[in-house]
C-alpha atoms as a PDB file:
ATOM      1  CA  MET A   1     150.183 -45.593  82.762  1.00  0.00           C
ATOM      2  CA  THR A   2     152.620 -47.078  80.263  1.00  0.00           C
ATOM      3  CA  ALA A   3     155.273 -44.643  79.163  1.00  0.00           C
ATOM      4  CA  VAL A   4     157.214 -46.748  76.664  1.00  0.00           C
ATOM      5  CA  ALA A   5     156.148 -49.927  74.911  1.00  0.00           C
ATOM      6  CA  SER A   6     157.894 -52.062  72.345  1.00  0.00           C
ATOM      7  CA  GLU A   7     157.114 -55.105  70.282  1.00  0.00           C
ATOM      8  CA  PRO A   8     159.387 -58.137  70.891  1.00  0.00           C
ATOM      9  CA  GLU A   9     162.626 -57.825  68.964  1.00  0.00           C
ATOM     10  CA  LEU A  10     163.297 -60.154  66.043  1.00  0.00           C
ATOM     11  CA  ASP A  11     166.740 -61.713  65.949  1.00  0.00           C
ATOM     12  CA  LEU A  12     167.835 -61.224  62.347  1.00  0.00           C
ATOM     13  CA  GLY A  13     171.444 -61.978  63.077  1.00  0.00           C
ATOM     14  CA  LEU A  14     172.408 -58.361  62.454  1.00  0.00           C
ATOM     15  CA  ASP A  15     174.221 -55.922  64.676  1.00  0.00           C
ATOM     16  CA  GLU A  16     171.614 -53.183  64.894  1.00  0.00           C
ATOM     17  CA  GLY A  17     172.901 -51.332  67.912  1.00  0.00           C
ATOM     18  CA  PRO A  18     171.861 -51.449  71.557  1.00  0.00           C
ATOM     19  CA  SER A  19     169.414 -54.046  72.854  1.00  0.00           C
ATOM     20  CA  LEU A  20     165.879 -53.211  73.937  1.00  0.00           C
ATOM     21  CA  ASP A  21     166.965 -53.644  77.570  1.00  0.00           C
ATOM     22  CA  GLU A  22     169.730 -51.078  77.101  1.00  0.00           C
ATOM     23  CA  VAL A  23     167.414 -48.627  75.316  1.00  0.00           C
ATOM     24  CA  LEU A  24     164.815 -48.879  78.084  1.00  0.00           C
ATOM     25  CA  TRP A  25     167.497 -48.564  80.756  1.00  0.00           C
ATOM     26  CA  GLN A  26     168.879 -45.364  79.227  1.00  0.00           C
ATOM     27  CA  ALA A  27     165.364 -43.975  78.798  1.00  0.00           C
ATOM     28  CA  TRP A  28     164.583 -44.778  82.430  1.00  0.00           C
ATOM     29  CA  LEU A  29     167.763 -43.027  83.592  1.00  0.00           C
ATOM     30  CA  ALA A  30     166.764 -39.924  81.632  1.00  0.00           C
ATOM     31  CA  LEU A  31     163.222 -39.689  83.005  1.00  0.00           C
ATOM     32  CA  GLU A  32     162.279 -36.643  85.050  1.00  0.00           C
ATOM     33  CA  LEU A  33     158.961 -37.391  86.702  1.00  0.00           C
ATOM     34  CA  PRO A  34     156.760 -35.035  88.709  1.00  0.00           C
ATOM     35  CA  GLU A  35     156.564 -35.599  92.438  1.00  0.00           C
ATOM     36  CA  GLY A  36     154.264 -38.456  93.360  1.00  0.00           C
ATOM     37  CA  TYR A  37     155.138 -40.689  90.396  1.00  0.00           C
ATOM     38  CA  HIS A  38     157.645 -43.485  89.920  1.00  0.00           C
ATOM     39  CA  ALA A  39     158.764 -45.549  86.930  1.00  0.00           C
ATOM     40  CA  GLU A  40     159.573 -49.230  86.619  1.00  0.00           C
ATOM     41  CA  ILE A  41     160.869 -51.414  83.775  1.00  0.00           C
ATOM     42  CA  VAL A  42     158.675 -54.516  83.556  1.00  0.00           C
ATOM     43  CA  GLU A  43     158.510 -56.923  80.620  1.00  0.00           C
ATOM     44  CA  GLY A  44     159.741 -54.545  77.930  1.00  0.00           C
ATOM     45  CA  LEU A  45     157.778 -51.567  79.214  1.00  0.00           C
ATOM     46  CA  ILE A  46     158.569 -48.458  81.200  1.00  0.00           C
ATOM     47  CA  GLU A  47     155.553 -48.174  83.458  1.00  0.00           C
ATOM     48  CA  VAL A  48     154.805 -44.898  85.231  1.00  0.00           C
ATOM     49  CA  SER A  49     152.522 -45.080  88.261  1.00  0.00           C
ATOM     50  CA  PRO A  50     151.171 -42.476  90.690  1.00  0.00           C
ATOM     51  CA  THR A  51     151.332 -42.669  94.459  1.00  0.00           C
ATOM     52  CA  GLY A  52     148.606 -44.996  95.750  1.00  0.00           C
ATOM     53  CA  ARG A  53     145.242 -43.918  97.101  1.00  0.00           C
ATOM     54  CA  LEU A  54     144.495 -43.846 100.850  1.00  0.00           C
ATOM     55  CA  SER A  55     143.403 -47.482 101.191  1.00  0.00           C
ATOM     56  CA  HIS A  56     146.507 -48.585  99.276  1.00  0.00           C
ATOM     57  CA  GLY A  57     148.846 -46.675 101.591  1.00  0.00           C
ATOM     58  CA  GLN A  58     147.023 -47.859 104.695  1.00  0.00           C
ATOM     59  CA  ALA A  59     147.288 -51.535 103.732  1.00  0.00           C
ATOM     60  CA  SER A  60     150.965 -51.342 102.775  1.00  0.00           C
ATOM     61  CA  GLY A  61     151.730 -49.327 105.924  1.00  0.00           C
ATOM     62  CA  ARG A  62     150.004 -51.850 108.187  1.00  0.00           C
ATOM     63  CA  LEU A  63     151.836 -54.705 106.476  1.00  0.00           C
ATOM     64  CA  ARG A  64     155.196 -52.993 106.832  1.00  0.00           C
ATOM     65  CA  ARG A  65     154.727 -52.193 110.526  1.00  0.00           C
ATOM     66  CA  ALA A  66     153.559 -55.727 111.283  1.00  0.00           C
ATOM     67  CA  LEU A  67     156.476 -57.266 109.392  1.00  0.00           C
ATOM     68  CA  ASP A  68     158.959 -55.008 111.171  1.00  0.00           C
ATOM     69  CA  ALA A  69     157.568 -56.092 114.542  1.00  0.00           C
ATOM     70  CA  TYR A  70     157.660 -59.763 113.525  1.00  0.00           C
ATOM     71  CA  LEU A  71     161.221 -59.531 112.188  1.00  0.00           C
ATOM     72  CA  SER A  72     162.558 -57.540 115.142  1.00  0.00           C
ATOM     73  CA  GLY A  73     165.938 -58.881 116.238  1.00  0.00           C
ATOM     74  CA  SER A  74     166.398 -61.002 113.105  1.00  0.00           C
ATOM     75  CA  GLY A  75     168.649 -58.556 111.267  1.00  0.00           C
ATOM     76  CA  ARG A  76     165.975 -58.113 108.610  1.00  0.00           C
ATOM     77  CA  CYS A  77     163.166 -55.622 108.125  1.00  0.00           C
ATOM     78  CA  ALA A  78     160.697 -54.299 105.572  1.00  0.00           C
ATOM     79  CA  HIS A  79     161.748 -51.534 103.171  1.00  0.00           C
ATOM     80  CA  ASN A  80     159.866 -49.428 100.626  1.00  0.00           C
ATOM     81  CA  ASP A  81     160.492 -46.706  98.031  1.00  0.00           C
ATOM     82  CA  ILE A  82     163.700 -48.426  96.915  1.00  0.00           C
ATOM     83  CA  ASN A  83     164.536 -49.773  93.454  1.00  0.00           C
ATOM     84  CA  VAL A  84     164.857 -53.541  93.130  1.00  0.00           C
ATOM     85  CA  LEU A  85     167.009 -54.454  90.121  1.00  0.00           C
ATOM     86  CA  HIS A  86     167.129 -57.625  88.054  1.00  0.00           C
ATOM     87  CA  GLY A  87     169.670 -56.947  85.349  1.00  0.00           C
ATOM     88  CA  GLN A  88     168.307 -53.878  83.565  1.00  0.00           C
ATOM     89  CA  LYS A  89     164.801 -54.410  84.894  1.00  0.00           C
ATOM     90  CA  ILE A  90     163.607 -52.048  87.640  1.00  0.00           C
ATOM     91  CA  PHE A  91     160.868 -52.837  90.154  1.00  0.00           C
ATOM     92  CA  ILE A  92     159.566 -50.660  92.978  1.00  0.00           C
ATOM     93  CA  PRO A  93     157.419 -52.960  95.122  1.00  0.00           C
ATOM     94  CA  ASP A  94     155.175 -51.554  97.802  1.00  0.00           C
ATOM     95  CA  LEU A  95     157.588 -53.208 100.203  1.00  0.00           C
ATOM     96  CA  PHE A  96     160.259 -55.864 100.323  1.00  0.00           C
ATOM     97  CA  VAL A  97     162.056 -57.791 103.052  1.00  0.00           C
ATOM     98  CA  GLY A  98     165.826 -57.738 103.189  1.00  0.00           C
ATOM     99  CA  PRO A  99     168.716 -57.082 105.559  1.00  0.00           C
ATOM    100  CA  GLU A 100     168.461 -54.039 107.806  1.00  0.00           C
ATOM    101  CA  ASP A 101     171.782 -52.927 106.296  1.00  0.00           C
ATOM    102  CA  LEU A 102     171.080 -52.822 102.572  1.00  0.00           C
ATOM    103  CA  ASP A 103     174.716 -52.164 101.692  1.00  0.00           C
ATOM    104  CA  ASP A 104     175.144 -55.952 101.647  1.00  0.00           C
ATOM    105  CA  ILE A 105     172.699 -56.340  98.746  1.00  0.00           C
ATOM    106  CA  ALA A 106     173.253 -53.031  96.964  1.00  0.00           C
ATOM    107  CA  SER A 107     173.284 -53.033  93.176  1.00  0.00           C
ATOM    108  CA  PRO A 108     176.223 -51.626  91.201  1.00  0.00           C
ATOM    109  CA  GLU A 109     176.444 -47.837  91.350  1.00  0.00           C
ATOM    110  CA  GLY A 110     173.967 -47.774  94.237  1.00  0.00           C
ATOM    111  CA  MET A 111     170.871 -47.658  92.009  1.00  0.00           C
ATOM    112  CA  GLY A 112     168.972 -49.929  94.395  1.00  0.00           C
ATOM    113  CA  VAL A 113     169.219 -53.499  95.645  1.00  0.00           C
ATOM    114  CA  GLU A 114     169.731 -56.761  93.781  1.00  0.00           C
ATOM    115  CA  ALA A 115     166.511 -58.722  93.319  1.00  0.00           C
ATOM    116  CA  VAL A 116     168.339 -62.008  93.776  1.00  0.00           C
ATOM    117  CA  ARG A 117     169.042 -61.040  97.408  1.00  0.00           C
ATOM    118  CA  VAL A 118     165.495 -59.883  98.203  1.00  0.00           C
ATOM    119  CA  GLU A 119     163.583 -62.414 100.308  1.00  0.00           C
ATOM    120  CA  LEU A 120     159.979 -61.240  99.943  1.00  0.00           C
ATOM    121  CA  VAL A 121     158.099 -58.630  97.929  1.00  0.00           C
ATOM    122  CA  ALA A 122     154.563 -57.382  98.472  1.00  0.00           C
ATOM    123  CA  GLU A 123     152.204 -55.401  96.288  1.00  0.00           C
ATOM    124  CA  VAL A 124     148.850 -53.811  97.122  1.00  0.00           C
ATOM    125  CA  VAL A 125     146.883 -53.909  93.879  1.00  0.00           C
ATOM    126  CA  SER A 126     145.541 -50.605  92.548  1.00  0.00           C
ATOM    127  CA  PRO A 127     142.212 -50.253  90.720  1.00  0.00           C
ATOM    128  CA  GLY A 128     141.958 -50.213  86.944  1.00  0.00           C
ATOM    129  CA  ARG A 129     142.592 -52.881  84.339  1.00  0.00           C
ATOM    130  CA  ASP A 130     146.197 -51.950  83.573  1.00  0.00           C
ATOM    131  CA  ALA A 131     147.170 -51.580  87.237  1.00  0.00           C
ATOM    132  CA  ARG A 132     145.617 -54.954  88.036  1.00  0.00           C
ATOM    133  CA  GLU A 133     147.376 -56.651  85.135  1.00  0.00           C
ATOM    134  CA  ARG A 134     150.655 -55.137  86.302  1.00  0.00           C
ATOM    135  CA  GLY A 135     150.359 -56.461  89.849  1.00  0.00           C
ATOM    136  CA  LEU A 136     148.655 -59.771  89.150  1.00  0.00           C
ATOM    137  CA  GLU A 137     150.309 -60.810  85.899  1.00  0.00           C
ATOM    138  CA  ARG A 138     153.307 -58.817  84.679  1.00  0.00           C
ATOM    139  CA  LYS A 139     154.950 -58.340  88.078  1.00  0.00           C
ATOM    140  CA  ARG A 140     154.106 -61.897  89.075  1.00  0.00           C
ATOM    141  CA  ARG A 141     156.100 -63.152  86.096  1.00  0.00           C
ATOM    142  CA  ALA A 142     158.874 -60.588  86.605  1.00  0.00           C
ATOM    143  CA  TYR A 143     159.367 -61.443  90.265  1.00  0.00           C
ATOM    144  CA  ALA A 144     159.387 -65.156  89.437  1.00  0.00           C
ATOM    145  CA  ARG A 145     162.030 -64.569  86.727  1.00  0.00           C
ATOM    146  CA  ALA A 146     164.100 -62.716  89.307  1.00  0.00           C
ATOM    147  CA  GLY A 147     163.850 -65.693  91.667  1.00  0.00           C
ATOM    148  CA  ILE A 148     162.294 -63.744  94.554  1.00  0.00           C
ATOM    149  CA  PRO A 149     161.176 -66.496  96.956  1.00  0.00           C
ATOM    150  CA  VAL A 150     157.899 -65.009  98.240  1.00  0.00           C
ATOM    151  CA  TYR A 151     155.422 -62.662  96.529  1.00  0.00           C
ATOM    152  CA  VAL A 152     152.470 -61.365  98.578  1.00  0.00           C
ATOM    153  CA  VAL A 153     149.543 -59.733  96.771  1.00  0.00           C
ATOM    154  CA  ILE A 154     146.836 -57.805  98.631  1.00  0.00           C
ATOM    155  CA  ASP A 155     143.913 -57.150  96.298  1.00  0.00           C
ATOM    156  CA  ASP A 156     141.088 -54.900  97.503  1.00  0.00           C
ATOM    157  CA  PHE A 157     139.304 -55.128  94.156  1.00  0.00           C
ATOM    158  CA  ASP A 158     138.866 -58.898  93.820  1.00  0.00           C
ATOM    159  CA  GLY A 159     135.349 -59.527  95.121  1.00  0.00           C
ATOM    160  CA  VAL A 160     135.371 -59.223  98.927  1.00  0.00           C
ATOM    161  CA  GLY A 161     139.157 -58.731  98.725  1.00  0.00           C
ATOM    162  CA  HIS A 162     141.776 -61.474  98.537  1.00  0.00           C
ATOM    163  CA  VAL A 163     145.345 -62.118  99.680  1.00  0.00           C
ATOM    164  CA  THR A 164     147.604 -64.340  97.595  1.00  0.00           C
ATOM    165  CA  VAL A 165     150.941 -65.734  98.776  1.00  0.00           C
ATOM    166  CA  LEU A 166     153.127 -67.092  95.972  1.00  0.00           C
ATOM    167  CA  THR A 167     156.206 -69.218  96.621  1.00  0.00           C
ATOM    168  CA  LYS A 168     158.632 -71.585  94.858  1.00  0.00           C
ATOM    169  CA  PRO A 169     159.619 -69.426  91.861  1.00  0.00           C
ATOM    170  CA  VAL A 170     160.829 -71.090  88.660  1.00  0.00           C
ATOM    171  CA  PRO A 171     162.818 -68.342  86.910  1.00  0.00           C
ATOM    172  CA  THR A 172     163.134 -70.178  83.597  1.00  0.00           C
ATOM    173  CA  LYS A 173     159.343 -70.481  83.346  1.00  0.00           C
ATOM    174  CA  ALA A 174     158.465 -67.133  84.987  1.00  0.00           C
ATOM    175  CA  ILE A 175     156.033 -68.869  87.337  1.00  0.00           C
ATOM    176  CA  TYR A 176     155.517 -69.556  91.010  1.00  0.00           C
ATOM    177  CA  GLU A 177     154.759 -73.224  91.555  1.00  0.00           C
ATOM    178  CA  ALA A 178     152.911 -72.715  94.844  1.00  0.00           C
ATOM    179  CA  SER A 179     150.037 -70.317  95.449  1.00  0.00           C
ATOM    180  CA  VAL A 180     147.653 -69.817  98.373  1.00  0.00           C
ATOM    181  CA  ARG A 181     144.739 -67.406  97.826  1.00  0.00           C
ATOM    182  CA  VAL A 182     142.275 -66.534 100.585  1.00  0.00           C
ATOM    183  CA  PRO A 183     139.456 -63.978 100.945  1.00  0.00           C
ATOM    184  CA  TYR A 184     139.671 -61.118 103.404  1.00  0.00           C
ATOM    185  CA  GLY A 185     138.591 -62.425 106.790  1.00  0.00           C
ATOM    186  CA  THR A 186     140.597 -65.647 106.383  1.00  0.00           C
ATOM    187  CA  GLU A 187     144.151 -65.705 107.702  1.00  0.00           C
ATOM    188  CA  VAL A 188     147.050 -66.822 105.534  1.00  0.00           C
ATOM    189  CA  THR A 189     150.500 -67.714 106.861  1.00  0.00           C
ATOM    190  CA  ILE A 190     153.799 -67.182 105.063  1.00  0.00           C
ATOM    191  CA  ALA A 191     155.379 -70.616 104.920  1.00  0.00           C
ATOM    192  CA  GLU A 192     159.036 -69.885 104.220  1.00  0.00           C
ATOM    193  CA  GLY A 193     161.838 -67.362 104.410  1.00  0.00           C
ATOM    194  CA  PRO A 194     162.642 -64.918 107.227  1.00  0.00           C
ATOM    195  CA  ALA A 195     158.931 -64.080 107.574  1.00  0.00           C
ATOM    196  CA  LYS A 196     157.967 -67.758 107.969  1.00  0.00           C
ATOM    197  CA  GLY A 197     155.014 -67.987 110.360  1.00  0.00           C
ATOM    198  CA  PHE A 198     153.895 -64.389 109.753  1.00  0.00           C
ATOM    199  CA  VAL A 199     150.108 -64.209 109.541  1.00  0.00           C
ATOM    200  CA  ILE A 200     148.185 -61.846 107.259  1.00  0.00           C
ATOM    201  CA  GLY A 201     144.631 -61.214 108.430  1.00  0.00           C
ATOM    202  CA  VAL A 202     142.070 -58.463 108.931  1.00  0.00           C
ATOM    203  CA  SER A 203     144.469 -56.424 111.077  1.00  0.00           C
ATOM    204  CA  ILE A 204     146.359 -55.786 107.820  1.00  0.00           C
ATOM    205  CA  THR A 205     143.718 -56.064 105.080  1.00  0.00           C
ATOM    206  CA  GLY A 206     140.732 -54.678 106.923  1.00  0.00           C
ATOM    207  CA  LYS A 207     137.345 -56.389 106.874  1.00  0.00           C
ATOM    208  CA  PRO A 208     135.925 -58.091 103.757  1.00  0.00           C
ATOM    209  CA  ARG A 209     134.487 -55.641 101.246  1.00  0.00           C
ATOM    210  CA  GLU A 210     130.787 -55.572 100.522  1.00  0.00           C
ATOM    211  CA  VAL A 211     129.953 -56.776  97.011  1.00  0.00           C
END
């Protein structure tokens, strides 16, 4: 659900007050959401989303536990339910990989962590056109702009189910130059970063969906 939307601003060379980023930031700070909802600022929108359904939580939980086991002893682990900030943009990925002690990458005023210091983000795509566009398009561009090195997408609703691993972000173009996409039932390996060598397979995604 989109809570606030705005058309791109026109630069008329006039001082017309605060920028769109500042307006959205102040609106985000003032939000009081019911339990079970969270809000992000993505591409000029404040996007309000509910807690995920059972399959969503199961997939993200399995991924987090597997990553924690894989990263054990490395000084890094998987985190969730924490704001990731890129300037005045706010993301709340299903999980991200960073230092065990997040004080080292904390954002000013303790609002969350700095996106530039996050080493991997993962999203489990929710059903519905808007939710899919958010995970597959808007957040893909936003994470690339933030320079996050690895973006993992688990998509239950793409045919039999697919996993995509995106790497080599180009912030100025808002793209990832490298992408590997495989159907459920085929393993995919993260090729770089602290989770290099980590394999995503059916133990995390579950079996291919029937279509």
